[in-house]
Amino acid sequence: MPSFGENLKKVRTEKGFSQGKLAERMQIDPSHISRYERDQTKPSLGVAVKFAQTLGVGLNQLAYGPNNEQIKEGVQDADLLNMFMELQHLKKDDVDTIKKMLGAFIFQKDIQQKLAS
C-alpha cells in the first residue's frame, strides 16, 4: 500500500500543482510539502484534511491511495465516488436522509421506466 507521501505526490501532480503552488494555497512553507512527500514527517489530521480539501479529493485517497478496483468498477463517475467518500464524514442522520433521497429518486425512475414499457 502506498504511503501518505506517495499518495500526496501522486494527487498533487495529477491535479497540476507544483509543491510551491500547493504550499502557497495551504499557507505553509514549501519545504513541508517536500518532507511530507518523502515521508520524513506525517501531517496532523487537521493538515491532512486541509490537503484533501485543497486538492479536491477525499481524505481516504490521501491516506490509503486510489480507491480499490471493486469500488471503481461499481462507481464509474469520479465526482460521484468522491461524494460518496465524503458522506462518511457526515452525521448518521444526514447520511440516512441522503439514503432516503437517493432511494426515492431511484424508485421514481424505476416506476417511470416500468410505466413507459
C-alpha atoms as a PDB file:
ATOM      1  CA  MET A   1       0.000   0.000   0.000  1.00  0.00           C
ATOM      2  CA  PRO A   2       1.414   3.418  -0.929  1.00  0.00           C
ATOM      3  CA  SER A   3       2.377   5.800   1.871  1.00  0.00           C
ATOM      4  CA  PHE A   4       0.696   9.122   2.602  1.00  0.00           C
ATOM      5  CA  GLY A   5       3.634  10.904   0.990  1.00  0.00           C
ATOM      6  CA  GLU A   6       3.431   8.833  -2.198  1.00  0.00           C
ATOM      7  CA  ASN A   7      -0.333   9.408  -2.401  1.00  0.00           C
ATOM      8  CA  LEU A   8       0.089  13.133  -1.779  1.00  0.00           C
ATOM      9  CA  LYS A   9       2.688  13.464  -4.541  1.00  0.00           C
ATOM     10  CA  LYS A  10       0.576  11.451  -6.989  1.00  0.00           C
ATOM     11  CA  VAL A  11      -2.577  13.503  -6.363  1.00  0.00           C
ATOM     12  CA  ARG A  12      -0.659  16.799  -6.368  1.00  0.00           C
ATOM     13  CA  THR A  13       0.913  16.083  -9.755  1.00  0.00           C
ATOM     14  CA  GLU A  14      -2.352  14.744 -11.203  1.00  0.00           C
ATOM     15  CA  LYS A  15      -4.069  17.968 -10.157  1.00  0.00           C
ATOM     16  CA  GLY A  16      -1.287  20.036 -11.754  1.00  0.00           C
ATOM     17  CA  PHE A  17       0.090  21.594  -8.576  1.00  0.00           C
ATOM     18  CA  SER A  18       3.781  22.259  -8.018  1.00  0.00           C
ATOM     19  CA  GLN A  19       4.987  21.874  -4.450  1.00  0.00           C
ATOM     20  CA  GLY A  20       5.288  25.647  -4.268  1.00  0.00           C
ATOM     21  CA  LYS A  21       1.772  26.299  -5.531  1.00  0.00           C
ATOM     22  CA  LEU A  22       0.262  23.748  -3.144  1.00  0.00           C
ATOM     23  CA  ALA A  23       2.253  25.226  -0.254  1.00  0.00           C
ATOM     24  CA  GLU A  24       1.009  28.689  -1.196  1.00  0.00           C
ATOM     25  CA  ARG A  25      -2.609  27.515  -1.234  1.00  0.00           C
ATOM     26  CA  MET A  26      -2.098  25.711   2.071  1.00  0.00           C
ATOM     27  CA  GLN A  27      -0.267  28.723   3.545  1.00  0.00           C
ATOM     28  CA  ILE A  28       2.682  26.587   4.633  1.00  0.00           C
ATOM     29  CA  ASP A  29       6.369  26.535   3.765  1.00  0.00           C
ATOM     30  CA  PRO A  30       7.152  24.527   0.585  1.00  0.00           C
ATOM     31  CA  SER A  31       9.751  22.502   2.479  1.00  0.00           C
ATOM     32  CA  HIS A  32       6.880  20.935   4.468  1.00  0.00           C
ATOM     33  CA  ILE A  33       5.357  19.561   1.251  1.00  0.00           C
ATOM     34  CA  SER A  34       8.691  18.006   0.338  1.00  0.00           C
ATOM     35  CA  ARG A  35       9.080  16.403   3.758  1.00  0.00           C
ATOM     36  CA  TYR A  36       5.530  15.019   3.657  1.00  0.00           C
ATOM     37  CA  GLU A  37       6.026  13.584   0.162  1.00  0.00           C
ATOM     38  CA  ARG A  38       9.315  11.935   1.173  1.00  0.00           C
ATOM     39  CA  ASP A  39       7.625  10.534   4.299  1.00  0.00           C
ATOM     40  CA  GLN A  40      10.124  12.278   6.535  1.00  0.00           C
ATOM     41  CA  THR A  41       7.217  13.566   8.589  1.00  0.00           C
ATOM     42  CA  LYS A  42       3.487  12.927   8.821  1.00  0.00           C
ATOM     43  CA  PRO A  43       0.926  15.741   8.839  1.00  0.00           C
ATOM     44  CA  SER A  44      -1.517  16.206  11.680  1.00  0.00           C
ATOM     45  CA  LEU A  45      -5.095  15.173  10.969  1.00  0.00           C
ATOM     46  CA  GLY A  46      -6.048  18.829  10.501  1.00  0.00           C
ATOM     47  CA  VAL A  47      -3.294  19.366   7.931  1.00  0.00           C
ATOM     48  CA  ALA A  48      -4.204  16.132   6.126  1.00  0.00           C
ATOM     49  CA  VAL A  49      -7.833  17.280   5.912  1.00  0.00           C
ATOM     50  CA  LYS A  50      -6.675  20.640   4.533  1.00  0.00           C
ATOM     51  CA  PHE A  51      -4.588  18.806   1.895  1.00  0.00           C
ATOM     52  CA  ALA A  52      -7.642  16.792   0.869  1.00  0.00           C
ATOM     53  CA  GLN A  53      -9.842  19.903   0.664  1.00  0.00           C
ATOM     54  CA  THR A  54      -7.247  21.900  -1.257  1.00  0.00           C
ATOM     55  CA  LEU A  55      -6.652  19.063  -3.728  1.00  0.00           C
ATOM     56  CA  GLY A  56     -10.355  18.259  -4.030  1.00  0.00           C
ATOM     57  CA  VAL A  57     -10.065  14.605  -3.018  1.00  0.00           C
ATOM     58  CA  GLY A  58     -11.263  12.511  -0.116  1.00  0.00           C
ATOM     59  CA  LEU A  59      -9.006  12.072   2.877  1.00  0.00           C
ATOM     60  CA  ASN A  60      -9.179   8.306   2.281  1.00  0.00           C
ATOM     61  CA  GLN A  61      -7.443   8.753  -1.061  1.00  0.00           C
ATOM     62  CA  LEU A  62      -4.526  10.539   0.559  1.00  0.00           C
ATOM     63  CA  ALA A  63      -4.329   8.100   3.444  1.00  0.00           C
ATOM     64  CA  TYR A  64      -4.873   4.835   1.587  1.00  0.00           C
ATOM     65  CA  GLY A  65      -4.281   5.590  -2.081  1.00  0.00           C
ATOM     66  CA  PRO A  66      -6.640   5.283  -5.004  1.00  0.00           C
ATOM     67  CA  ASN A  67      -9.953   3.641  -4.234  1.00  0.00           C
ATOM     68  CA  ASN A  68      -9.841  -0.092  -4.628  1.00  0.00           C
ATOM     69  CA  GLU A  69     -10.734  -1.553  -8.007  1.00  0.00           C
ATOM     70  CA  GLN A  70     -14.002  -3.057  -6.825  1.00  0.00           C
ATOM     71  CA  ILE A  71     -15.336   0.363  -5.841  1.00  0.00           C
ATOM     72  CA  LYS A  72     -14.042   1.913  -9.081  1.00  0.00           C
ATOM     73  CA  GLU A  73     -15.818  -0.753 -11.123  1.00  0.00           C
ATOM     74  CA  GLY A  74     -19.070  -0.137  -9.249  1.00  0.00           C
ATOM     75  CA  VAL A  75     -18.986   3.681  -9.441  1.00  0.00           C
ATOM     76  CA  GLN A  76     -17.630   4.927 -12.752  1.00  0.00           C
ATOM     77  CA  ASP A  77     -18.246   8.657 -12.127  1.00  0.00           C
ATOM     78  CA  ALA A  78     -15.257  10.071 -10.186  1.00  0.00           C
ATOM     79  CA  ASP A  79     -17.217  13.041  -8.813  1.00  0.00           C
ATOM     80  CA  LEU A  80     -19.959  10.761  -7.543  1.00  0.00           C
ATOM     81  CA  LEU A  81     -17.399   8.441  -5.992  1.00  0.00           C
ATOM     82  CA  ASN A  82     -15.757  11.374  -4.172  1.00  0.00           C
ATOM     83  CA  MET A  83     -19.172  12.495  -2.915  1.00  0.00           C
ATOM     84  CA  PHE A  84     -19.869   9.018  -1.570  1.00  0.00           C
ATOM     85  CA  MET A  85     -16.490   9.013   0.165  1.00  0.00           C
ATOM     86  CA  GLU A  86     -17.257  12.381   1.762  1.00  0.00           C
ATOM     87  CA  LEU A  87     -20.558  11.030   3.115  1.00  0.00           C
ATOM     88  CA  GLN A  88     -18.540   9.061   5.646  1.00  0.00           C
ATOM     89  CA  HIS A  89     -17.756  12.330   7.425  1.00  0.00           C
ATOM     90  CA  LEU A  90     -21.390  13.333   7.911  1.00  0.00           C
ATOM     91  CA  LYS A  91     -23.602  12.646  10.892  1.00  0.00           C
ATOM     92  CA  LYS A  92     -25.609   9.408  10.759  1.00  0.00           C
ATOM     93  CA  ASP A  93     -28.906  11.331  10.494  1.00  0.00           C
ATOM     94  CA  ASP A  94     -27.595  13.241   7.468  1.00  0.00           C
ATOM     95  CA  VAL A  95     -26.416  10.027   5.798  1.00  0.00           C
ATOM     96  CA  ASP A  96     -29.817   8.436   6.456  1.00  0.00           C
ATOM     97  CA  THR A  97     -31.538  11.438   4.853  1.00  0.00           C
ATOM     98  CA  ILE A  98     -29.335  11.180   1.758  1.00  0.00           C
ATOM     99  CA  LYS A  99     -30.054   7.442   1.512  1.00  0.00           C
ATOM    100  CA  LYS A 100     -33.796   8.149   1.643  1.00  0.00           C
ATOM    101  CA  MET A 101     -33.484  10.822  -1.067  1.00  0.00           C
ATOM    102  CA  LEU A 102     -31.488   8.515  -3.334  1.00  0.00           C
ATOM    103  CA  GLY A 103     -33.880   5.654  -2.688  1.00  0.00           C
ATOM    104  CA  ALA A 104     -36.878   7.827  -3.570  1.00  0.00           C
ATOM    105  CA  PHE A 105     -35.204   9.080  -6.751  1.00  0.00           C
ATOM    106  CA  ILE A 106     -34.265   5.565  -7.868  1.00  0.00           C
ATOM    107  CA  PHE A 107     -37.766   4.293  -7.062  1.00  0.00           C
ATOM    108  CA  GLN A 108     -39.302   7.135  -9.111  1.00  0.00           C
ATOM    109  CA  LYS A 109     -37.051   6.391 -12.106  1.00  0.00           C
ATOM    110  CA  ASP A 110     -37.828   2.684 -11.851  1.00  0.00           C
ATOM    111  CA  ILE A 111     -41.585   3.348 -11.827  1.00  0.00           C
ATOM    112  CA  GLN A 112     -41.266   5.752 -14.777  1.00  0.00           C
ATOM    113  CA  GLN A 113     -39.320   3.149 -16.749  1.00  0.00           C
ATOM    114  CA  LYS A 114     -41.867   0.424 -15.981  1.00  0.00           C
ATOM    115  CA  LEU A 115     -44.781   2.669 -16.958  1.00  0.00           C
ATOM    116  CA  ALA A 116     -43.043   3.621 -20.228  1.00  0.00           C
ATOM    117  CA  SER A 117     -42.584  -0.049 -21.205  1.00  0.00           C
END
